[in-house]
Amino acid sequence: MNSFDEFLAMGGYGFYVWTAYGIGFVVLVMNVVLPLIQRKQFLRELALKQKRVKK
């Protein structure tokens, strides 16, 4: 188990390395999730506009 602890510590730079990985992961997830949310919102607004035009 000692080698795993050393792996996580990354020679004393573990905090910075894992923080960078965490930030990178969050950015990648946001690049997928935010456009999906915006698309859903856009389609909802478009449907409302079409309902108004049809009346």
N, C-alpha and C. Protein backbone atom coordinates (compact mmCIF):
# COMPACT_ATOMS: atom_id res chain seq x y z
N MET A 1 0.83 -1.19 0.00
CA MET A 1 0.00 0.00 0.00
C MET A 1 0.87 1.25 0.00
N ASN A 2 2.09 1.13 0.38
CA ASN A 2 3.00 2.27 0.44
C ASN A 2 3.24 2.87 -0.94
N SER A 3 3.35 2.02 -1.96
CA SER A 3 3.60 2.54 -3.30
C SER A 3 2.39 3.34 -3.80
N PHE A 4 1.18 2.95 -3.39
CA PHE A 4 0.00 3.69 -3.80
C PHE A 4 -0.01 5.07 -3.15
N ASP A 5 0.40 5.14 -1.88
CA ASP A 5 0.50 6.44 -1.20
C ASP A 5 1.54 7.32 -1.89
N GLU A 6 2.63 6.73 -2.31
CA GLU A 6 3.65 7.49 -3.03
C GLU A 6 3.11 7.97 -4.37
N PHE A 7 2.33 7.10 -5.01
CA PHE A 7 1.73 7.49 -6.29
C PHE A 7 0.81 8.70 -6.11
N LEU A 8 -0.02 8.67 -5.06
CA LEU A 8 -0.91 9.80 -4.81
C LEU A 8 -0.15 11.06 -4.43
N ALA A 9 0.96 10.91 -3.74
CA ALA A 9 1.76 12.06 -3.32
C ALA A 9 2.52 12.69 -4.49
N MET A 10 2.81 11.90 -5.52
CA MET A 10 3.51 12.37 -6.71
C MET A 10 4.80 13.14 -6.37
N GLY A 11 5.55 12.59 -5.47
CA GLY A 11 6.82 13.22 -5.12
C GLY A 11 6.66 14.57 -4.44
N GLY A 12 5.57 14.78 -3.74
CA GLY A 12 5.34 16.04 -3.05
C GLY A 12 4.49 17.01 -3.87
N TYR A 13 4.21 16.69 -5.11
CA TYR A 13 3.41 17.57 -5.97
C TYR A 13 2.00 17.04 -6.20
N GLY A 14 1.59 16.08 -5.43
CA GLY A 14 0.30 15.44 -5.62
C GLY A 14 -0.87 16.40 -5.57
N PHE A 15 -0.84 17.33 -4.63
CA PHE A 15 -1.95 18.28 -4.52
C PHE A 15 -2.13 19.05 -5.82
N TYR A 16 -1.04 19.54 -6.38
CA TYR A 16 -1.11 20.33 -7.61
C TYR A 16 -1.51 19.47 -8.81
N VAL A 17 -0.96 18.26 -8.86
CA VAL A 17 -1.27 17.36 -9.98
C VAL A 17 -2.74 16.96 -9.94
N TRP A 18 -3.23 16.52 -8.79
CA TRP A 18 -4.62 16.07 -8.70
C TRP A 18 -5.60 17.23 -8.83
N THR A 19 -5.21 18.40 -8.38
CA THR A 19 -6.04 19.58 -8.58
C THR A 19 -6.16 19.90 -10.07
N ALA A 20 -5.04 19.83 -10.79
CA ALA A 20 -5.07 20.08 -12.23
C ALA A 20 -5.93 19.04 -12.95
N TYR A 21 -5.81 17.78 -12.58
CA TYR A 21 -6.65 16.74 -13.16
C TYR A 21 -8.13 17.02 -12.86
N GLY A 22 -8.42 17.42 -11.64
CA GLY A 22 -9.80 17.71 -11.25
C GLY A 22 -10.39 18.87 -12.05
N ILE A 23 -9.63 19.95 -12.18
CA ILE A 23 -10.10 21.10 -12.94
C ILE A 23 -10.29 20.72 -14.40
N GLY A 24 -9.35 19.98 -14.95
CA GLY A 24 -9.48 19.53 -16.34
C GLY A 24 -10.71 18.67 -16.55
N PHE A 25 -10.98 17.79 -15.62
CA PHE A 25 -12.16 16.93 -15.71
C PHE A 25 -13.44 17.75 -15.65
N VAL A 26 -13.48 18.72 -14.74
CA VAL A 26 -14.67 19.57 -14.62
C VAL A 26 -14.91 20.35 -15.91
N VAL A 27 -13.84 20.88 -16.51
CA VAL A 27 -13.98 21.62 -17.77
C VAL A 27 -14.49 20.71 -18.87
N LEU A 28 -13.97 19.50 -18.97
CA LEU A 28 -14.44 18.57 -19.99
C LEU A 28 -15.92 18.22 -19.80
N VAL A 29 -16.33 18.00 -18.58
CA VAL A 29 -17.73 17.68 -18.31
C VAL A 29 -18.61 18.88 -18.66
N MET A 30 -18.16 20.08 -18.32
CA MET A 30 -18.94 21.28 -18.64
C MET A 30 -19.07 21.46 -20.15
N ASN A 31 -18.04 21.10 -20.91
CA ASN A 31 -18.09 21.21 -22.36
C ASN A 31 -19.11 20.26 -22.98
N VAL A 32 -19.50 19.25 -22.25
CA VAL A 32 -20.53 18.32 -22.73
C VAL A 32 -21.90 18.73 -22.21
N VAL A 33 -21.98 19.05 -20.93
CA VAL A 33 -23.26 19.28 -20.27
C VAL A 33 -23.88 20.63 -20.65
N LEU A 34 -23.10 21.71 -20.65
CA LEU A 34 -23.67 23.03 -20.91
C LEU A 34 -24.33 23.14 -22.28
N PRO A 35 -23.71 22.66 -23.36
CA PRO A 35 -24.42 22.73 -24.65
C PRO A 35 -25.72 21.93 -24.66
N LEU A 36 -25.77 20.82 -23.95
CA LEU A 36 -27.01 20.04 -23.88
C LEU A 36 -28.10 20.84 -23.16
N ILE A 37 -27.73 21.50 -22.09
CA ILE A 37 -28.69 22.33 -21.35
C ILE A 37 -29.16 23.50 -22.22
N GLN A 38 -28.22 24.15 -22.91
CA GLN A 38 -28.57 25.28 -23.77
C GLN A 38 -29.46 24.84 -24.92
N ARG A 39 -29.20 23.68 -25.48
CA ARG A 39 -30.03 23.17 -26.58
C ARG A 39 -31.46 22.92 -26.11
N LYS A 40 -31.57 22.32 -24.93
CA LYS A 40 -32.89 22.04 -24.37
C LYS A 40 -33.66 23.34 -24.14
N GLN A 41 -32.97 24.34 -23.60
CA GLN A 41 -33.59 25.63 -23.34
C GLN A 41 -33.98 26.31 -24.67
N PHE A 42 -33.11 26.24 -25.67
CA PHE A 42 -33.40 26.83 -26.97
C PHE A 42 -34.63 26.19 -27.60
N LEU A 43 -34.70 24.86 -27.57
CA LEU A 43 -35.84 24.16 -28.15
C LEU A 43 -37.14 24.50 -27.41
N ARG A 44 -37.06 24.65 -26.11
CA ARG A 44 -38.23 25.01 -25.32
C ARG A 44 -38.72 26.41 -25.71
N GLU A 45 -37.79 27.37 -25.84
CA GLU A 45 -38.15 28.73 -26.23
C GLU A 45 -38.70 28.75 -27.66
N LEU A 46 -38.12 27.97 -28.55
CA LEU A 46 -38.59 27.91 -29.92
C LEU A 46 -40.02 27.36 -29.99
N ALA A 47 -40.30 26.35 -29.20
CA ALA A 47 -41.64 25.78 -29.16
C ALA A 47 -42.65 26.82 -28.66
N LEU A 48 -42.27 27.59 -27.65
CA LEU A 48 -43.17 28.63 -27.13
C LEU A 48 -43.42 29.70 -28.20
N LYS A 49 -42.40 30.09 -28.93
CA LYS A 49 -42.56 31.09 -29.98
C LYS A 49 -43.47 30.56 -31.08
N GLN A 50 -43.34 29.31 -31.43
CA GLN A 50 -44.20 28.72 -32.47
C GLN A 50 -45.64 28.64 -32.02
N LYS A 51 -45.86 28.38 -30.75
CA LYS A 51 -47.23 28.35 -30.23
C LYS A 51 -47.86 29.74 -30.32
N ARG A 52 -47.06 30.78 -30.02
CA ARG A 52 -47.57 32.15 -30.09
C ARG A 52 -47.90 32.55 -31.52
N VAL A 53 -47.09 32.12 -32.47
CA VAL A 53 -47.29 32.48 -33.87
C VAL A 53 -48.54 31.79 -34.43
N LYS A 54 -48.79 30.56 -34.01
CA LYS A 54 -49.93 29.80 -34.51
C LYS A 54 -51.27 30.38 -34.03
N LYS A 55 -51.29 31.06 -32.90
CA LYS A 55 -52.55 31.59 -32.34
C LYS A 55 -53.04 32.77 -33.09
